[in-house]
C-alpha atoms as a PDB file:
ATOM      1  CA  UNK A   1      19.714  -4.397 -40.072  1.00  0.00           C
ATOM      2  CA  UNK A   2      19.234  -8.054 -41.004  1.00  0.00           C
ATOM      3  CA  UNK A   3      15.949  -9.462 -42.282  1.00  0.00           C
ATOM      4  CA  UNK A   4      13.946 -11.353 -39.687  1.00  0.00           C
ATOM      5  CA  UNK A   5      11.265 -13.906 -40.558  1.00  0.00           C
ATOM      6  CA  UNK A   6       9.015 -13.823 -37.474  1.00  0.00           C
ATOM      7  CA  UNK A   7       6.729 -16.687 -38.522  1.00  0.00           C
ATOM      8  CA  UNK A   8       9.621 -19.054 -39.230  1.00  0.00           C
ATOM      9  CA  UNK A   9      11.326 -18.136 -35.986  1.00  0.00           C
ATOM     10  CA  UNK A  10       8.133 -18.689 -33.993  1.00  0.00           C
ATOM     11  CA  UNK A  11       7.738 -22.146 -35.529  1.00  0.00           C
ATOM     12  CA  UNK A  12      11.360 -22.982 -34.697  1.00  0.00           C
ATOM     13  CA  UNK A  13      10.891 -21.862 -31.111  1.00  0.00           C
ATOM     14  CA  UNK A  14       7.738 -23.927 -30.692  1.00  0.00           C
ATOM     15  CA  UNK A  15       9.600 -27.013 -31.897  1.00  0.00           C
ATOM     16  CA  UNK A  16      12.476 -26.242 -29.548  1.00  0.00           C
ATOM     17  CA  UNK A  17      10.306 -25.518 -26.503  1.00  0.00           C
ATOM     18  CA  UNK A  18       7.948 -28.485 -26.833  1.00  0.00           C
ATOM     19  CA  UNK A  19      10.167 -31.206 -25.328  1.00  0.00           C
ATOM     20  CA  UNK A  20      11.145 -28.984 -22.399  1.00  0.00           C
ATOM     21  CA  UNK A  21       7.575 -28.075 -21.509  1.00  0.00           C
ATOM     22  CA  UNK A  22       6.118 -31.558 -21.728  1.00  0.00           C
ATOM     23  CA  UNK A  23       5.523 -32.566 -18.114  1.00  0.00           C
ATOM     24  CA  UNK A  24       7.343 -29.514 -16.765  1.00  0.00           C
ATOM     25  CA  UNK A  25       6.832 -28.316 -13.192  1.00  0.00           C
ATOM     26  CA  UNK A  26       7.091 -24.699 -12.024  1.00  0.00           C
ATOM     27  CA  UNK A  27      10.856 -24.894 -11.470  1.00  0.00           C
ATOM     28  CA  UNK A  28      11.294 -26.190 -15.014  1.00  0.00           C
ATOM     29  CA  UNK A  29       9.130 -23.363 -16.363  1.00  0.00           C
ATOM     30  CA  UNK A  30      11.457 -20.827 -14.730  1.00  0.00           C
ATOM     31  CA  UNK A  31      14.472 -22.527 -16.293  1.00  0.00           C
ATOM     32  CA  UNK A  32      12.786 -22.559 -19.700  1.00  0.00           C
ATOM     33  CA  UNK A  33      11.996 -18.844 -19.735  1.00  0.00           C
ATOM     34  CA  UNK A  34      15.434 -17.951 -18.343  1.00  0.00           C
ATOM     35  CA  UNK A  35      17.137 -19.885 -21.138  1.00  0.00           C
ATOM     36  CA  UNK A  36      14.721 -18.453 -23.698  1.00  0.00           C
ATOM     37  CA  UNK A  37      15.554 -14.874 -22.724  1.00  0.00           C
ATOM     38  CA  UNK A  38      19.285 -15.584 -23.049  1.00  0.00           C
ATOM     39  CA  UNK A  39      18.733 -17.136 -26.468  1.00  0.00           C
ATOM     40  CA  UNK A  40      16.624 -14.180 -27.614  1.00  0.00           C
ATOM     41  CA  UNK A  41      19.328 -11.724 -26.594  1.00  0.00           C
ATOM     42  CA  UNK A  42      21.876 -13.677 -28.608  1.00  0.00           C
ATOM     43  CA  UNK A  43      19.583 -13.669 -31.620  1.00  0.00           C
ATOM     44  CA  UNK A  44      18.959  -9.950 -31.212  1.00  0.00           C
ATOM     45  CA  UNK A  45      22.692  -9.244 -31.068  1.00  0.00           C
ATOM     46  CA  UNK A  46      23.074 -11.186 -34.291  1.00  0.00           C
ATOM     47  CA  UNK A  47      20.318  -9.165 -35.977  1.00  0.00           C
ATOM     48  CA  UNK A  48      21.298  -5.680 -34.827  1.00  0.00           C
ATOM     49  CA  UNK A  49      24.522  -3.781 -35.238  1.00  0.00           C
ATOM     50  CA  UNK A  50      26.043  -1.011 -33.118  1.00  0.00           C
ATOM     51  CA  UNK A  51      24.225   1.708 -35.038  1.00  0.00           C
ATOM     52  CA  UNK A  52      20.862  -0.023 -34.480  1.00  0.00           C
ATOM     53  CA  UNK A  53      21.492  -0.031 -30.732  1.00  0.00           C
ATOM     54  CA  UNK A  54      22.585   3.614 -30.734  1.00  0.00           C
ATOM     55  CA  UNK A  55      19.229   4.617 -32.242  1.00  0.00           C
ATOM     56  CA  UNK A  56      17.335   3.178 -29.280  1.00  0.00           C
ATOM     57  CA  UNK A  57      16.554   5.964 -26.809  1.00  0.00           C
ATOM     58  CA  UNK A  58      15.251   3.744 -23.994  1.00  0.00           C
ATOM     59  CA  UNK A  59      17.372   4.212 -20.876  1.00  0.00           C
ATOM     60  CA  UNK A  60      17.190   3.900 -17.082  1.00  0.00           C
ATOM     61  CA  UNK A  61      15.058   6.639 -15.547  1.00  0.00           C
ATOM     62  CA  UNK A  62      12.676   7.081 -18.471  1.00  0.00           C
ATOM     63  CA  UNK A  63       9.686   4.902 -17.591  1.00  0.00           C
ATOM     64  CA  UNK A  64       7.461   6.699 -20.105  1.00  0.00           C
ATOM     65  CA  UNK A  65       5.783   3.494 -21.269  1.00  0.00           C
ATOM     66  CA  UNK A  66       5.463   1.991 -17.782  1.00  0.00           C
ATOM     67  CA  UNK A  67       1.843   3.114 -17.456  1.00  0.00           C
ATOM     68  CA  UNK A  68       0.410   0.552 -19.865  1.00  0.00           C
ATOM     69  CA  UNK A  69      -1.058  -2.870 -19.177  1.00  0.00           C
ATOM     70  CA  UNK A  70       1.540  -5.616 -19.530  1.00  0.00           C
ATOM     71  CA  UNK A  71       0.672  -9.264 -20.078  1.00  0.00           C
ATOM     72  CA  UNK A  72       2.874 -12.127 -18.908  1.00  0.00           C
ATOM     73  CA  UNK A  73       2.758 -15.895 -19.209  1.00  0.00           C
ATOM     74  CA  UNK A  74       3.039 -18.236 -16.226  1.00  0.00           C
ATOM     75  CA  UNK A  75       6.797 -18.963 -16.651  1.00  0.00           C
ATOM     76  CA  UNK A  76       7.536 -15.230 -16.697  1.00  0.00           C
ATOM     77  CA  UNK A  77       5.510 -14.586 -13.547  1.00  0.00           C
ATOM     78  CA  UNK A  78       7.216 -17.476 -11.781  1.00  0.00           C
ATOM     79  CA  UNK A  79      10.664 -16.219 -12.808  1.00  0.00           C
ATOM     80  CA  UNK A  80       9.950 -12.687 -11.613  1.00  0.00           C
ATOM     81  CA  UNK A  81       8.605 -13.927  -8.269  1.00  0.00           C
ATOM     82  CA  UNK A  82      11.642 -16.183  -7.782  1.00  0.00           C
ATOM     83  CA  UNK A  83      14.005 -13.312  -8.588  1.00  0.00           C
ATOM     84  CA  UNK A  84      12.260 -11.016  -6.127  1.00  0.00           C
ATOM     85  CA  UNK A  85      12.472 -13.600  -3.341  1.00  0.00           C
ATOM     86  CA  UNK A  86      16.191 -14.008  -4.030  1.00  0.00           C
ATOM     87  CA  UNK A  87      16.935 -10.282  -4.134  1.00  0.00           C
ATOM     88  CA  UNK A  88      14.738  -8.724  -1.447  1.00  0.00           C
ATOM     89  CA  UNK A  89      14.600  -9.322   2.282  1.00  0.00           C
ATOM     90  CA  UNK A  90      11.418 -10.263   4.114  1.00  0.00           C
ATOM     91  CA  UNK A  91      10.543  -6.677   5.067  1.00  0.00           C
ATOM     92  CA  UNK A  92      10.977  -5.420   1.509  1.00  0.00           C
ATOM     93  CA  UNK A  93       8.888  -8.291   0.172  1.00  0.00           C
ATOM     94  CA  UNK A  94       6.122  -7.578   2.671  1.00  0.00           C
ATOM     95  CA  UNK A  95       6.029  -3.932   1.601  1.00  0.00           C
ATOM     96  CA  UNK A  96       6.039  -4.914  -2.066  1.00  0.00           C
ATOM     97  CA  UNK A  97       3.138  -7.316  -1.515  1.00  0.00           C
ATOM     98  CA  UNK A  98       1.190  -4.518   0.181  1.00  0.00           C
ATOM     99  CA  UNK A  99       1.798  -2.163  -2.759  1.00  0.00           C
ATOM    100  CA  UNK A 100       0.973  -4.873  -5.276  1.00  0.00           C
ATOM    101  CA  UNK A 101      -2.347  -5.609  -3.581  1.00  0.00           C
ATOM    102  CA  UNK A 102      -3.289  -1.928  -3.655  1.00  0.00           C
ATOM    103  CA  UNK A 103      -2.145  -1.631  -7.272  1.00  0.00           C
ATOM    104  CA  UNK A 104      -4.193  -4.622  -8.390  1.00  0.00           C
ATOM    105  CA  UNK A 105      -7.317  -3.042  -6.894  1.00  0.00           C
ATOM    106  CA  UNK A 106      -6.525   0.340  -8.496  1.00  0.00           C
ATOM    107  CA  UNK A 107      -6.240  -1.023 -12.047  1.00  0.00           C
ATOM    108  CA  UNK A 108      -8.822  -3.788 -11.816  1.00  0.00           C
ATOM    109  CA  UNK A 109     -11.062  -3.842 -14.880  1.00  0.00           C
ATOM    110  CA  UNK A 110      -9.268  -1.014 -16.671  1.00  0.00           C
ATOM    111  CA  UNK A 111      -8.664  -1.402 -20.391  1.00  0.00           C
ATOM    112  CA  UNK A 112      -5.488  -0.097 -22.018  1.00  0.00           C
ATOM    113  CA  UNK A 113      -6.788   3.432 -22.619  1.00  0.00           C
ATOM    114  CA  UNK A 114      -8.204   3.727 -19.098  1.00  0.00           C
ATOM    115  CA  UNK A 115      -4.978   2.442 -17.585  1.00  0.00           C
ATOM    116  CA  UNK A 116      -2.976   5.081 -19.463  1.00  0.00           C
ATOM    117  CA  UNK A 117      -5.451   7.792 -18.474  1.00  0.00           C
ATOM    118  CA  UNK A 118      -4.966   7.288 -14.733  1.00  0.00           C
ATOM    119  CA  UNK A 119      -1.154   7.566 -15.176  1.00  0.00           C
ATOM    120  CA  UNK A 120      -0.467   4.877 -12.579  1.00  0.00           C
ATOM    121  CA  UNK A 121       3.127   3.714 -12.911  1.00  0.00           C
ATOM    122  CA  UNK A 122       3.989   0.021 -12.916  1.00  0.00           C
ATOM    123  CA  UNK A 123       4.412  -1.205  -9.352  1.00  0.00           C
ATOM    124  CA  UNK A 124       7.930  -2.379 -10.268  1.00  0.00           C
ATOM    125  CA  UNK A 125       9.086   1.080 -11.375  1.00  0.00           C
ATOM    126  CA  UNK A 126      11.387   2.509  -8.715  1.00  0.00           C
ATOM    127  CA  UNK A 127      11.555   6.092  -7.408  1.00  0.00           C
ATOM    128  CA  UNK A 128      14.167   6.981 -10.006  1.00  0.00           C
ATOM    129  CA  UNK A 129      11.984   5.827 -12.885  1.00  0.00           C
ATOM    130  CA  UNK A 130      13.944   2.636 -13.524  1.00  0.00           C
ATOM    131  CA  UNK A 131      12.670  -0.931 -13.749  1.00  0.00           C
ATOM    132  CA  UNK A 132      13.404  -2.688 -10.467  1.00  0.00           C
ATOM    133  CA  UNK A 133      12.980  -6.127 -12.086  1.00  0.00           C
ATOM    134  CA  UNK A 134      14.965  -5.295 -15.221  1.00  0.00           C
ATOM    135  CA  UNK A 135      16.970  -8.565 -15.375  1.00  0.00           C
ATOM    136  CA  UNK A 136      13.719 -10.563 -15.437  1.00  0.00           C
ATOM    137  CA  UNK A 137      11.408  -8.050 -17.115  1.00  0.00           C
ATOM    138  CA  UNK A 138       8.601  -9.493 -19.269  1.00  0.00           C
ATOM    139  CA  UNK A 139       9.065 -10.506 -22.891  1.00  0.00           C
ATOM    140  CA  UNK A 140       6.562  -7.885 -24.049  1.00  0.00           C
ATOM    141  CA  UNK A 141       8.442  -5.155 -22.170  1.00  0.00           C
ATOM    142  CA  UNK A 142      11.610  -6.263 -23.941  1.00  0.00           C
ATOM    143  CA  UNK A 143       9.833  -5.998 -27.287  1.00  0.00           C
ATOM    144  CA  UNK A 144       9.233  -2.255 -27.012  1.00  0.00           C
ATOM    145  CA  UNK A 145      11.871   0.286 -27.979  1.00  0.00           C
ATOM    146  CA  UNK A 146      11.813   3.903 -29.073  1.00  0.00           C
ATOM    147  CA  UNK A 147      14.128   6.230 -30.917  1.00  0.00           C
ATOM    148  CA  UNK A 148      12.652   9.252 -29.134  1.00  0.00           C
ATOM    149  CA  UNK A 149      11.505   9.349 -25.511  1.00  0.00           C
ATOM    150  CA  UNK A 150       9.440  12.488 -26.094  1.00  0.00           C
ATOM    151  CA  UNK A 151       7.549  10.704 -28.857  1.00  0.00           C
ATOM    152  CA  UNK A 152       6.665   7.949 -26.390  1.00  0.00           C
ATOM    153  CA  UNK A 153       5.237  10.443 -23.945  1.00  0.00           C
ATOM    154  CA  UNK A 154       3.243  12.162 -26.697  1.00  0.00           C
ATOM    155  CA  UNK A 155       1.911   8.812 -27.909  1.00  0.00           C
ATOM    156  CA  UNK A 156       0.457   8.155 -24.470  1.00  0.00           C
ATOM    157  CA  UNK A 157      -1.055  11.599 -23.960  1.00  0.00           C
ATOM    158  CA  UNK A 158      -2.162  12.950 -27.340  1.00  0.00           C
ATOM    159  CA  UNK A 159      -4.706  10.223 -28.273  1.00  0.00           C
ATOM    160  CA  UNK A 160      -6.960  11.692 -25.577  1.00  0.00           C
ATOM    161  CA  UNK A 161      -6.914  14.883 -27.657  1.00  0.00           C
ATOM    162  CA  UNK A 162      -7.811  13.081 -30.857  1.00  0.00           C
ATOM    163  CA  UNK A 163      -4.273  12.796 -32.207  1.00  0.00           C
ATOM    164  CA  UNK A 164      -2.434   9.585 -33.094  1.00  0.00           C
ATOM    165  CA  UNK A 165       1.317  10.235 -32.964  1.00  0.00           C
ATOM    166  CA  UNK A 166       3.720   7.616 -34.259  1.00  0.00           C
ATOM    167  CA  UNK A 167       6.586   6.111 -32.289  1.00  0.00           C
ATOM    168  CA  UNK A 168       9.585   4.895 -34.257  1.00  0.00           C
ATOM    169  CA  UNK A 169      10.901   1.653 -32.821  1.00  0.00           C
ATOM    170  CA  UNK A 170      13.138  -1.254 -33.747  1.00  0.00           C
ATOM    171  CA  UNK A 171      10.770  -3.631 -35.510  1.00  0.00           C
ATOM    172  CA  UNK A 172      13.223  -6.530 -35.494  1.00  0.00           C
ATOM    173  CA  UNK A 173      13.325  -6.419 -31.707  1.00  0.00           C
ATOM    174  CA  UNK A 174       9.541  -6.178 -31.477  1.00  0.00           C
ATOM    175  CA  UNK A 175       8.978  -9.091 -33.855  1.00  0.00           C
ATOM    176  CA  UNK A 176      11.602 -11.208 -32.097  1.00  0.00           C
ATOM    177  CA  UNK A 177      10.084 -10.945 -28.617  1.00  0.00           C
ATOM    178  CA  UNK A 178       6.482 -10.986 -29.815  1.00  0.00           C
ATOM    179  CA  UNK A 179       7.242 -14.215 -31.696  1.00  0.00           C
ATOM    180  CA  UNK A 180       8.776 -15.721 -28.574  1.00  0.00           C
ATOM    181  CA  UNK A 181       5.744 -14.750 -26.482  1.00  0.00           C
ATOM    182  CA  UNK A 182       3.366 -16.391 -28.955  1.00  0.00           C
ATOM    183  CA  UNK A 183       5.539 -19.499 -29.264  1.00  0.00           C
ATOM    184  CA  UNK A 184       5.763 -19.951 -25.509  1.00  0.00           C
ATOM    185  CA  UNK A 185       2.023 -19.395 -25.089  1.00  0.00           C
ATOM    186  CA  UNK A 186       1.163 -21.892 -27.827  1.00  0.00           C
ATOM    187  CA  UNK A 187       3.367 -24.643 -26.397  1.00  0.00           C
ATOM    188  CA  UNK A 188       2.159 -24.031 -22.848  1.00  0.00           C
ATOM    189  CA  UNK A 189      -1.418 -24.463 -24.024  1.00  0.00           C
ATOM    190  CA  UNK A 190      -0.484 -27.610 -25.925  1.00  0.00           C
ATOM    191  CA  UNK A 191       0.624 -29.226 -22.668  1.00  0.00           C
ATOM    192  CA  UNK A 192      -2.264 -28.104 -20.504  1.00  0.00           C
ATOM    193  CA  UNK A 193      -0.867 -24.872 -19.075  1.00  0.00           C
ATOM    194  CA  UNK A 194      -2.686 -21.544 -19.520  1.00  0.00           C
ATOM    195  CA  UNK A 195      -1.645 -20.291 -22.949  1.00  0.00           C
ATOM    196  CA  UNK A 196      -3.014 -16.801 -22.514  1.00  0.00           C
ATOM    197  CA  UNK A 197      -1.202 -14.195 -20.493  1.00  0.00           C
ATOM    198  CA  UNK A 198      -2.389 -12.324 -17.422  1.00  0.00           C
ATOM    199  CA  UNK A 199      -1.779  -8.834 -16.095  1.00  0.00           C
ATOM    200  CA  UNK A 200       1.776  -8.561 -14.791  1.00  0.00           C
ATOM    201  CA  UNK A 201       1.184  -7.505 -11.186  1.00  0.00           C
ATOM    202  CA  UNK A 202      -1.616  -9.962 -10.450  1.00  0.00           C
ATOM    203  CA  UNK A 203       0.268 -12.797 -12.117  1.00  0.00           C
ATOM    204  CA  UNK A 204       3.451 -12.226 -10.111  1.00  0.00           C
ATOM    205  CA  UNK A 205       1.533 -11.648  -6.861  1.00  0.00           C
ATOM    206  CA  UNK A 206       0.008 -15.121  -7.154  1.00  0.00           C
ATOM    207  CA  UNK A 207       3.485 -16.638  -6.730  1.00  0.00           C
ATOM    208  CA  UNK A 208       4.871 -14.146  -4.222  1.00  0.00           C
END
């Protein structure tokens, strides 16, 4: 695994993103985050080798971590909403909006521990336990990996019993996407956009 300097990379991203976000409209924000995700994947591929990828246990149908609060920035929410409109018909979108509205009420005001305790799956998790917005999933979802799915499940359940299990993950991947999230948030704030993220479902629902 290659070394990864998160602080330097974040500074580079902020410098790169600044001219694209100055005076950007919503369509430009979608383009920015789409290009950013592609760039991050290229950087990740350069940092990880085949053995690093083989160690990652995350796979379709798991969904173990999809009971936690997820924060997104405005460009991410816009991109997800645009993708949903392009990939679902009007009836499916109407049903999704109904479920999102109910979900927002159900988790309103819950902190991370309370959200985990009610075991309410992400509204975008499908019946098979897979992410239905995977191509446009949030940066912070992309940051999380695990080498053991059972360890993930234990990490979400055992703290209620006073235990603090550890989850082994790829730290390069986490640092990469966390750095990108911070860089994007900082530059958005610099140009008058909200620099802090909002809960995934409510943020996407605003644009759907």
